[in-house]
Protein backbone atom coordinates (compact mmCIF):
# COMPACT_ATOMS: atom_id res chain seq x y z
CA MET A 1 -28.49 1.74 -25.95
CA GLU A 2 -29.28 0.43 -22.48
CA GLY A 3 -26.76 -2.36 -22.99
CA ASN A 4 -24.05 0.12 -24.00
CA GLY A 5 -24.84 2.31 -21.00
CA GLY A 6 -24.64 -0.71 -18.69
CA CYS A 7 -21.29 -1.74 -20.15
CA CYS A 8 -19.98 1.81 -19.75
CA ARG A 9 -21.08 1.96 -16.11
CA SER A 10 -19.57 -1.45 -15.46
CA PHE A 11 -16.27 -0.38 -17.04
CA ILE A 12 -16.14 2.82 -14.96
CA GLN A 13 -16.96 0.89 -11.79
CA SER A 14 -14.23 -1.69 -12.43
CA SER A 15 -11.74 1.07 -13.33
CA LYS A 16 -12.16 3.00 -10.07
CA PRO A 17 -9.52 1.05 -8.08
CA TYR A 18 -6.99 1.52 -10.91
CA ILE A 19 -7.70 5.26 -11.25
CA ALA A 20 -7.46 5.72 -7.48
CA MET A 21 -4.10 3.94 -7.16
CA ILE A 22 -2.58 5.67 -10.22
CA SER A 23 -3.60 9.07 -8.82
CA LEU A 24 -2.02 8.18 -5.49
CA GLN A 25 1.30 7.39 -7.18
CA PHE A 26 1.46 10.92 -8.61
CA GLY A 27 0.67 12.25 -5.14
CA TYR A 28 3.44 10.15 -3.62
CA ALA A 29 5.88 11.30 -6.33
CA GLY A 30 5.28 14.95 -5.46
CA MET A 31 5.74 14.16 -1.77
CA ASN A 32 9.14 12.54 -2.42
CA ILE A 33 10.47 15.56 -4.32
CA ILE A 34 9.15 18.19 -1.88
CA THR A 35 10.35 16.21 1.14
CA LYS A 36 13.84 15.75 -0.30
CA VAL A 37 14.14 19.51 -0.79
CA SER A 38 12.99 20.10 2.80
CA LEU A 39 15.41 17.54 4.26
CA ASN A 40 18.29 19.00 2.23
CA ARG A 41 17.52 22.38 3.82
CA GLY A 42 18.07 20.91 7.27
CA MET A 43 14.61 19.95 8.55
CA SER A 44 14.62 17.09 11.06
CA HIS A 45 12.78 14.05 9.73
CA TYR A 46 11.48 13.35 13.25
CA VAL A 47 9.82 16.77 13.38
CA LEU A 48 8.55 16.39 9.83
CA VAL A 49 6.75 13.16 10.76
CA VAL A 50 5.07 14.91 13.73
CA TYR A 51 3.83 17.85 11.67
CA ARG A 52 2.83 15.59 8.80
CA HIS A 53 0.46 13.54 10.93
CA ALA A 54 -0.83 16.57 12.80
CA PHE A 55 -1.92 17.95 9.41
CA ALA A 56 -3.31 14.54 8.45
CA THR A 57 -5.39 14.28 11.62
CA ALA A 58 -6.73 17.82 11.24
CA ALA A 59 -7.64 17.16 7.60
CA ILE A 60 -9.57 13.91 8.00
CA ALA A 61 -10.98 14.01 11.56
CA PRO A 62 -13.89 16.40 10.74
CA PHE A 63 -15.05 14.16 7.88
CA ALA A 64 -14.86 11.09 10.14
CA LEU A 65 -16.87 12.79 12.91
CA VAL A 66 -19.64 13.94 10.54
CA LEU A 67 -19.90 11.20 7.92
CA GLU A 68 -19.43 8.16 10.16
CA ARG A 69 -21.23 9.22 13.33
CA LYS A 70 -23.92 6.53 12.78
CA ILE A 71 -21.74 3.64 11.63
CA ARG A 72 -18.78 4.07 13.98
CA THR A 73 -18.44 0.95 16.10
CA LYS A 74 -17.25 0.75 19.69
CA ILE A 75 -13.48 0.48 20.10
CA THR A 76 -12.65 -2.54 22.22
CA PHE A 77 -9.23 -3.09 23.77
CA PRO A 78 -8.05 -5.55 21.04
CA ILE A 79 -9.12 -3.09 18.33
CA PHE A 80 -7.36 -0.23 20.15
CA MET A 81 -4.15 -2.28 20.32
CA GLN A 82 -4.35 -2.92 16.58
CA LEU A 83 -4.84 0.82 15.95
CA PHE A 84 -1.92 1.57 18.27
CA VAL A 85 0.34 -0.83 16.37
CA LEU A 86 -0.79 0.70 13.05
CA GLY A 87 0.19 4.14 14.35
CA LEU A 88 3.56 2.77 15.40
CA LEU A 89 4.29 0.89 12.16
CA GLY A 90 3.12 3.53 9.67
CA PRO A 91 3.72 7.04 10.99
CA VAL A 92 6.61 6.29 13.38
CA ILE A 93 8.75 3.40 12.12
CA ASP A 94 8.07 3.41 8.39
CA GLN A 95 8.18 7.15 7.79
CA ASN A 96 11.13 7.95 10.04
CA PHE A 97 13.18 5.20 8.44
CA TYR A 98 11.99 6.21 4.97
CA TYR A 99 12.86 9.89 5.46
CA ALA A 100 16.25 8.98 6.90
CA GLY A 101 16.92 6.69 3.93
CA LEU A 102 15.73 9.38 1.53
CA LYS A 103 18.14 11.86 3.11
CA PHE A 104 21.09 9.51 2.58
CA THR A 105 20.17 8.44 -0.98
CA SER A 106 17.86 10.02 -3.58
CA PRO A 107 14.13 10.17 -4.38
CA THR A 108 14.37 7.80 -7.35
CA PHE A 109 16.44 5.27 -5.39
CA SER A 110 13.99 5.44 -2.49
CA CYS A 111 11.01 4.86 -4.79
CA ALA A 112 12.76 1.95 -6.48
CA MET A 113 13.40 0.29 -3.12
CA SER A 114 9.74 0.82 -2.23
CA ASN A 115 8.86 -1.52 -5.10
CA MET A 116 9.86 -4.35 -2.78
CA LEU A 117 6.59 -3.70 -0.97
CA PRO A 118 4.39 -6.20 -2.92
CA ALA A 119 6.90 -9.02 -2.43
CA MET A 120 7.23 -8.29 1.29
CA THR A 121 3.45 -7.99 1.61
CA PHE A 122 3.02 -11.34 -0.14
CA VAL A 123 5.52 -13.08 2.16
CA MET A 124 3.85 -11.66 5.27
CA ALA A 125 0.39 -12.51 3.92
CA VAL A 126 1.53 -16.13 3.48
CA LEU A 127 2.94 -16.22 7.01
CA CYS A 128 -0.33 -14.78 8.34
CA ARG A 129 -2.35 -17.27 6.23
CA MET A 130 -4.03 -14.49 4.28
CA GLU A 131 -2.50 -15.95 1.09
CA LYS A 132 -2.26 -19.64 0.18
CA LEU A 133 0.94 -20.99 -1.37
CA ASP A 134 0.44 -24.16 -3.44
CA MET A 135 3.67 -24.83 -5.34
CA LYS A 136 1.88 -27.20 -7.74
CA LYS A 137 0.12 -24.20 -9.28
CA VAL A 138 1.88 -21.90 -11.76
CA ARG A 139 0.47 -18.74 -10.16
CA CYS A 140 2.06 -19.64 -6.81
CA GLN A 141 5.38 -20.38 -8.52
CA ALA A 142 5.19 -16.95 -10.22
CA LYS A 143 4.64 -15.25 -6.86
CA LEU A 144 7.58 -17.03 -5.26
CA ILE A 145 9.95 -16.40 -8.19
CA GLY A 146 8.84 -12.77 -8.33
CA THR A 147 9.61 -12.35 -4.64
CA ILE A 148 13.11 -13.81 -5.06
CA VAL A 149 13.82 -11.61 -8.10
CA THR A 150 12.60 -8.54 -6.22
CA VAL A 151 14.92 -9.22 -3.29
CA ALA A 152 17.81 -9.79 -5.71
CA GLY A 153 17.12 -6.41 -7.34
CA ALA A 154 17.11 -4.68 -3.97
CA MET A 155 20.44 -6.30 -3.05
CA LEU A 156 21.92 -5.21 -6.39
CA MET A 157 20.81 -1.61 -5.82
CA THR A 158 22.24 -1.66 -2.32
CA LEU A 159 25.64 -3.20 -3.05
CA TYR A 160 26.44 -1.88 -6.55
CA LYS A 161 26.29 1.70 -7.83
CA GLY A 162 28.16 1.70 -11.16
CA ASN A 163 28.49 4.62 -13.54
CA ILE A 164 26.26 7.67 -13.58
CA ILE A 165 23.54 7.56 -16.24
CA ASN A 166 23.01 10.89 -17.98
CA PHE A 167 19.65 12.10 -19.21
CA PRO A 168 19.70 14.47 -22.22
CA TRP A 169 18.48 17.33 -20.03
CA SER A 170 20.56 16.57 -16.90
CA GLY A 171 23.91 17.94 -18.06
CA HIS A 172 26.11 15.54 -16.03
CA SER A 173 29.51 15.09 -17.61
CA ASN A 174 31.18 12.72 -15.16
CA ASN A 175 30.29 9.11 -15.87
CA ALA A 176 32.78 7.56 -13.44
CA PRO A 177 31.47 5.74 -10.40
CA SER A 178 31.67 7.54 -7.08
CA ALA A 179 34.95 7.11 -5.18
CA ASN A 180 33.83 8.91 -2.00
CA ASN A 181 33.91 6.38 0.87
CA ASN A 182 31.67 8.49 3.09
CA GLU A 183 29.11 8.81 0.31
CA ASP A 184 29.19 5.03 -0.24
CA LYS A 185 28.70 4.40 3.49
CA ASP A 186 25.74 6.79 3.55
CA TRP A 187 24.30 5.05 0.48
CA LEU A 188 24.53 1.64 2.20
CA LYS A 189 23.06 3.04 5.41
CA GLY A 190 20.23 4.65 3.47
CA SER A 191 19.52 1.38 1.63
CA ILE A 192 19.20 -0.55 4.89
CA LEU A 193 16.90 2.10 6.36
CA LEU A 194 14.69 1.97 3.25
CA ILE A 195 14.44 -1.84 3.44
CA LEU A 196 13.39 -1.61 7.10
CA ALA A 197 10.86 1.08 6.20
CA THR A 198 9.39 -1.12 3.47
CA LEU A 199 9.14 -4.04 5.88
CA ALA A 200 7.26 -1.85 8.36
CA TRP A 201 4.95 -0.60 5.60
CA ALA A 202 4.17 -4.16 4.49
CA SER A 203 3.32 -5.03 8.10
CA PHE A 204 1.06 -1.97 8.21
CA PHE A 205 -0.90 -3.23 5.17
CA ILE A 206 -1.40 -6.68 6.68
CA ILE A 207 -2.65 -5.38 10.03
CA GLN A 208 -4.80 -2.73 8.33
CA ALA A 209 -6.55 -5.43 6.31
CA VAL A 210 -7.28 -7.36 9.53
CA THR A 211 -8.40 -4.28 11.48
CA GLN A 212 -10.81 -3.12 8.77
CA LYS A 213 -12.81 -6.32 9.14
CA ARG A 214 -13.38 -5.56 12.84
CA TYR A 215 -13.66 -1.77 12.67
CA GLN A 216 -15.64 -0.92 9.55
CA ALA A 217 -15.40 2.87 9.60
CA PRO A 218 -12.50 3.72 7.25
CA LEU A 219 -12.45 7.48 7.82
CA SER A 220 -12.49 7.07 11.60
CA LEU A 221 -9.83 4.37 11.40
CA THR A 222 -7.58 6.67 9.36
CA ALA A 223 -8.13 9.61 11.72
CA ILE A 224 -7.35 7.51 14.81
CA VAL A 225 -4.21 6.00 13.27
CA CYS A 226 -2.95 9.46 12.28
CA PHE A 227 -3.73 10.86 15.75
CA LEU A 228 -2.01 7.98 17.55
CA GLY A 229 0.91 8.28 15.14
CA THR A 230 1.20 11.99 15.97
CA LEU A 231 1.36 11.28 19.72
CA GLN A 232 3.89 8.48 19.27
CA SER A 233 6.00 10.61 16.93
CA ILE A 234 6.05 13.45 19.49
CA ALA A 235 7.39 11.03 22.11
CA VAL A 236 10.08 9.74 19.72
CA THR A 237 11.07 13.29 18.69
CA PHE A 238 11.47 14.42 22.31
CA VAL A 239 13.92 11.57 22.79
CA MET A 240 15.85 12.04 19.52
CA GLU A 241 15.79 15.84 19.08
CA HIS A 242 17.08 17.86 22.03
CA LYS A 243 17.21 21.28 20.35
CA PRO A 244 14.02 23.39 20.66
CA ALA A 245 14.96 25.12 17.40
CA ALA A 246 14.31 21.87 15.52
CA TRP A 247 10.57 22.40 16.07
CA THR A 248 10.59 25.80 14.37
CA ILE A 249 8.60 25.94 11.14
CA GLY A 250 7.68 28.98 9.03
CA TRP A 251 5.97 29.83 5.76
CA ASP A 252 8.53 27.96 3.70
CA MET A 253 9.28 24.63 2.04
CA ASN A 254 9.22 22.87 5.43
CA LEU A 255 5.60 23.87 5.99
CA LEU A 256 4.69 22.83 2.43
CA ALA A 257 6.39 19.45 2.89
CA ALA A 258 4.54 18.76 6.16
CA ALA A 259 1.13 19.94 4.88
CA TYR A 260 1.39 18.18 1.52
CA ALA A 261 2.62 14.92 3.03
CA GLY A 262 -0.01 15.03 5.79
CA ILE A 263 -3.04 15.84 3.65
CA VAL A 264 -2.18 13.94 0.45
CA SER A 265 0.18 11.13 1.45
CA SER A 266 -1.26 10.30 4.87
CA SER A 267 -4.93 11.18 5.38
CA LEU A 268 -6.10 10.89 1.77
CA ALA A 269 -3.79 8.00 0.91
CA TYR A 270 -4.67 5.92 3.99
CA TYR A 271 -8.39 6.36 3.31
CA VAL A 272 -8.19 5.55 -0.43
CA GLN A 273 -5.90 2.58 0.17
CA GLY A 274 -8.33 1.24 2.74
CA LEU A 275 -11.29 1.47 0.36
CA VAL A 276 -9.39 -0.17 -2.49
CA MET A 277 -8.00 -2.86 -0.19
CA GLU A 278 -11.52 -3.83 0.87
CA LYS A 279 -12.32 -4.79 -2.74
CA THR A 280 -8.99 -6.00 -4.05
CA GLY A 281 -6.79 -7.06 -1.12
CA PRO A 282 -3.41 -5.79 0.11
CA VAL A 283 -1.31 -7.08 -2.82
CA PHE A 284 -3.24 -5.08 -5.43
CA VAL A 285 -2.80 -1.85 -3.45
CA THR A 286 0.98 -2.18 -3.62
CA ALA A 287 1.02 -2.93 -7.36
CA PHE A 288 1.40 0.56 -8.79
CA SER A 289 4.62 1.78 -7.16
CA PRO A 290 6.74 1.45 -10.37
CA LEU A 291 4.73 4.33 -11.82
CA MET A 292 5.80 6.51 -8.90
CA MET A 293 9.44 5.57 -9.54
CA ILE A 294 9.22 6.69 -13.19
CA VAL A 295 7.54 9.99 -12.32
CA VAL A 296 10.06 10.70 -9.54
CA ALA A 297 13.03 9.87 -11.82
CA VAL A 298 11.89 12.43 -14.40
CA MET A 299 10.98 15.08 -11.82
CA GLY A 300 14.15 14.47 -9.80
CA SER A 301 16.43 14.85 -12.80
CA PHE A 302 14.71 18.13 -13.73
CA ILE A 303 14.26 19.73 -10.32
CA LEU A 304 17.06 18.26 -8.19
CA ALA A 305 19.64 17.41 -10.90
CA GLU A 306 19.61 13.95 -9.33
CA LYS A 307 22.35 11.45 -10.14
CA ILE A 308 21.04 8.08 -11.29
CA TYR A 309 23.49 5.17 -11.27
CA LEU A 310 23.67 2.07 -13.47
CA GLY A 311 23.28 -0.23 -10.46
CA GLY A 312 20.12 1.57 -9.50
CA ILE A 313 18.61 1.13 -12.96
CA LEU A 314 19.55 -2.57 -13.20
CA GLY A 315 18.23 -3.23 -9.70
CA ALA A 316 15.03 -1.30 -10.42
CA VAL A 317 14.44 -3.38 -13.58
CA LEU A 318 14.80 -6.59 -11.57
CA ILE A 319 12.47 -5.28 -8.87
CA VAL A 320 9.80 -4.31 -11.43
CA MET A 321 10.10 -7.72 -13.16
CA GLY A 322 9.67 -9.44 -9.82
CA LEU A 323 6.81 -7.13 -8.93
CA TYR A 324 4.80 -7.98 -12.03
CA SER A 325 5.51 -11.67 -11.62
CA VAL A 326 3.88 -11.43 -8.19
CA LEU A 327 1.01 -9.43 -9.66
CA TRP A 328 0.46 -11.92 -12.47
CA GLY A 329 0.15 -14.66 -9.90
CA LYS A 330 -2.30 -12.56 -7.92
CA TYR A 331 -4.33 -11.83 -11.07
CA LYS A 332 -4.62 -15.56 -11.86
CA GLU A 333 -5.66 -16.24 -8.28
CA ASN A 334 -8.43 -13.64 -8.45
CA LYS A 335 -9.67 -15.16 -11.73
CA GLU A 336 -9.86 -18.58 -10.10
CA LYS A 337 -11.82 -17.15 -7.16
CA GLU A 338 -14.24 -15.43 -9.54
CA ALA A 339 -14.77 -18.70 -11.44
CA GLU A 340 -15.41 -20.58 -8.19
CA SER A 341 -17.88 -17.97 -6.94
CA PHE A 342 -19.70 -18.19 -10.30
CA ASN A 343 -19.95 -21.97 -10.23
CA ILE A 344 -21.10 -22.32 -6.61
CA PRO A 345 -24.45 -20.50 -7.09
CA GLN A 346 -25.17 -22.64 -10.17
CA ALA A 347 -24.61 -25.79 -8.14
CA ILE A 348 -26.79 -24.49 -5.30
CA LYS A 349 -29.50 -23.58 -7.80
CA GLY A 350 -29.48 -27.10 -9.25
CA THR A 351 -29.66 -28.62 -5.77
CA THR A 352 -32.57 -26.36 -4.87
CA ALA A 353 -34.45 -27.37 -8.03
CA THR A 354 -33.97 -31.05 -7.27
CA THR A 355 -35.10 -30.54 -3.69
CA GLY A 356 -38.12 -28.66 -4.97
CA ASP A 357 -39.09 -31.57 -7.24
CA ILE A 358 -38.84 -34.02 -4.35
CA THR A 359 -40.96 -31.73 -2.19
CA THR A 360 -43.58 -31.50 -4.95
CA ASP A 361 -43.69 -35.29 -5.28
CA ILE A 362 -44.19 -35.68 -1.53
CA GLN A 363 -46.99 -33.12 -1.57
CA ASP A 364 -48.71 -35.02 -4.44
CA ILE A 365 -48.53 -38.27 -2.49
CA GLU A 366 -50.05 -36.59 0.58
CA ILE A 367 -52.93 -35.21 -1.53
CA GLN A 368 -53.59 -38.64 -3.02
CA LYS A 369 -53.69 -40.19 0.45
CA SER A 370 -56.08 -37.55 1.77
CA SER A 371 -58.42 -38.08 -1.21
CA GLN A 372 -58.74 -41.81 -0.51
CA PRO A 373 -61.70 -42.85 1.74
CA ASN A 374 -60.94 -43.80 5.35
CA PRO A 375 -61.93 -47.44 5.96
CA LYS A 376 -62.90 -46.63 9.60
CA GLU A 377 -65.60 -44.17 8.53
């Protein structure tokens, strides 16, 4: 019975990162749908980013102040600069570009493009020497091939739309590809913005992983990043939005979009991602985005009557294939690390035992010498 209970506890413990990341994907899916509705109703994405991170800061700051008051380390200037860059990359660059791309395309398309994140994170991790690339090993070849396939899928989604794919419940009757030049230009513009947003988000993950090693207070780190992101977003919005009416928000979908995105997709997501990243690394955290794409595709076709094109589906399939090729390589790498960490203690233990035997022999010799009579006495 004790063995079964231990196995059960071990299984639950090992499943926690998976449960956390799957739950986050459903949270992100809801954010994409609600935000798309808000943007379609005319809300400025610059203002939405400001309100989103104001809500995020207000939601997580009290927990950081209370729960981490004893473990919060001093913020040095290098750490502050890293936090400042995190606020710039995540809240300002990534989310403004992502919302702009979402406005020009669709929720499902945006989520599919976000699946480039693991490949971009892997490339940046290699450049930053957080990941090793040995082309003699199959796992490294899988990562590289997966990255290339992912980029190819993103290019296919960007440059080719194709016919509209109808779901049984969607009710679309026109299967012809779009002939509207303005719509095609917006689609291309949105695709480029989404790629830039994904690049910024991958950079955020890399710097977050580095910063967490120097500032080991995840709640406080999240609160500070959200607060700095709010201040930076206010500055950007003052430059980009000149109408005071753009700041107006009432008890409507705009308020729901800002509150939901701030509490769920910023404060809670940043904190959970940080905890999971500590145990699994940045590549694992980005591994579950295809689930979000599937959920958003179903919800978008129901709620928004979203049009899904053949090019988008083909590109998404390529991206997901590339994604799991990268993840397979990462899985094999983790297995190798676990095997090495298991073997090293065994070797140390054997060395210690040998050293102990030598020490015992020396002690025996010393005792024998001391027991012999001294000829000078």
